[in-house]
Amino acid sequence: MKRIALALILAASTTFAASKAYQVTGKVLEIGNDVIVIQKGNEKWEIAKDGSLGDVRLGQKVTLFYTMSAKSMAVAPETVAPATVAPEAGRRATSTKAH
């Protein structure tokens, strides 16, 4: 377990030196070639993994150290509000009364 944590810390510190590091602790639900799923409380956390995390078994309690990074981005087009015509200010109504 300590080897796993140390390996993840070293990988995070050398690969993602500029990124903020986070951690999550929970029980292992699934282990795939490129993903590990752990359960923290009622939430399932699916985290991508690089390479082997060592000797991890289903049901073990582990602490994963991870970083977040963006792979791509989609930018929504800007919307311009239609111009509105302001009412004429200071216009007085004319009276038809005789003085």
Protein backbone atom coordinates (compact mmCIF):
# COMPACT_ATOMS: atom_id res chain seq x y z
CA MET A 1 0.00 0.00 0.00
CA LYS A 2 2.79 2.40 0.87
CA ARG A 3 4.51 1.53 -2.42
CA ILE A 4 1.34 2.49 -4.31
CA ALA A 5 1.05 5.83 -2.57
CA LEU A 6 4.73 6.59 -3.08
CA ALA A 7 4.57 5.67 -6.78
CA LEU A 8 1.55 7.90 -7.31
CA ILE A 9 3.15 10.80 -5.47
CA LEU A 10 6.34 10.49 -7.51
CA ALA A 11 4.43 10.23 -10.78
CA ALA A 12 2.25 13.22 -9.94
CA SER A 13 5.15 15.38 -8.82
CA THR A 14 7.32 14.71 -11.86
CA THR A 15 4.70 14.54 -14.59
CA PHE A 16 2.31 17.26 -13.43
CA ALA A 17 4.59 19.56 -11.47
CA ALA A 18 2.50 22.64 -12.24
CA SER A 19 -0.88 21.04 -11.41
CA LYS A 20 -2.46 21.04 -7.99
CA ALA A 21 -2.49 17.58 -6.40
CA TYR A 22 -5.59 16.02 -4.84
CA GLN A 23 -6.29 12.76 -3.05
CA VAL A 24 -9.25 10.47 -2.48
CA THR A 25 -9.53 7.45 -0.17
CA GLY A 26 -11.94 4.58 -0.65
CA LYS A 27 -12.43 0.89 -1.44
CA VAL A 28 -11.41 -0.46 -4.85
CA LEU A 29 -14.43 -1.52 -6.93
CA GLU A 30 -12.80 -2.05 -10.35
CA ILE A 31 -9.32 -2.12 -11.82
CA GLY A 32 -8.89 -1.78 -15.57
CA ASN A 33 -5.92 -1.27 -17.86
CA ASP A 34 -6.33 2.50 -17.83
CA VAL A 35 -8.86 3.20 -15.06
CA ILE A 36 -9.47 2.46 -11.39
CA VAL A 37 -12.86 2.86 -9.68
CA ILE A 38 -13.10 3.41 -5.94
CA GLN A 39 -16.05 4.05 -3.68
CA LYS A 40 -15.92 6.94 -1.23
CA GLY A 41 -19.08 6.98 0.85
CA ASN A 42 -21.98 6.76 -1.61
CA GLU A 43 -19.94 8.12 -4.53
CA LYS A 44 -18.02 6.12 -7.14
CA TRP A 45 -14.82 7.79 -8.34
CA GLU A 46 -13.51 6.70 -11.75
CA ILE A 47 -9.95 7.89 -12.21
CA ALA A 48 -7.71 7.32 -15.21
CA LYS A 49 -4.38 5.70 -14.39
CA ASP A 50 -1.02 5.57 -16.09
CA GLY A 51 0.65 2.21 -15.92
CA SER A 52 0.52 -0.16 -12.97
CA LEU A 53 -0.45 0.86 -9.47
CA GLY A 54 1.21 -2.21 -7.99
CA ASP A 55 -0.47 -5.11 -6.21
CA VAL A 56 -3.99 -3.77 -5.69
CA ARG A 57 -6.95 -6.04 -5.04
CA LEU A 58 -10.69 -5.45 -5.20
CA GLY A 59 -12.13 -4.36 -1.86
CA GLN A 60 -8.85 -2.90 -0.57
CA LYS A 61 -8.89 0.54 1.00
CA VAL A 62 -6.53 2.80 -0.95
CA THR A 63 -5.65 6.47 -1.21
CA LEU A 64 -5.25 7.76 -4.77
CA PHE A 65 -3.26 10.89 -5.49
CA TYR A 66 -4.29 12.62 -8.70
CA THR A 67 -4.25 15.86 -10.64
CA MET A 68 -6.74 17.43 -13.02
CA SER A 69 -5.87 18.51 -16.53
CA ALA A 70 -7.86 19.59 -19.57
CA LYS A 71 -7.51 17.50 -22.74
CA SER A 72 -9.56 19.80 -24.99
CA MET A 73 -11.98 22.71 -24.90
CA ALA A 74 -15.07 23.80 -26.81
CA VAL A 75 -15.90 27.49 -26.90
CA ALA A 76 -19.51 28.54 -27.37
CA PRO A 77 -20.10 31.30 -29.92
CA GLU A 78 -20.77 34.73 -28.48
CA THR A 79 -24.34 35.91 -28.65
CA VAL A 80 -25.07 39.57 -29.25
CA ALA A 81 -28.29 40.97 -27.84
CA PRO A 82 -30.42 42.79 -30.44
CA ALA A 83 -30.32 46.57 -30.23
CA THR A 84 -33.33 48.21 -28.65
CA VAL A 85 -34.71 51.59 -29.58
CA ALA A 86 -34.87 53.93 -26.60
CA PRO A 87 -38.00 56.08 -26.29
CA GLU A 88 -37.46 59.74 -27.04
CA ALA A 89 -36.80 61.53 -23.78
CA GLY A 90 -38.18 64.98 -22.98
CA ARG A 91 -40.90 64.93 -25.59
CA ARG A 92 -44.01 66.72 -24.38
CA ALA A 93 -47.52 65.95 -25.38
CA THR A 94 -49.26 68.83 -27.13
CA SER A 95 -52.57 70.06 -25.91
CA THR A 96 -55.46 71.04 -28.17
CA LYS A 97 -57.10 73.24 -25.54
CA ALA A 98 -57.58 76.85 -26.33
CA HIS A 99 -56.13 79.40 -23.94
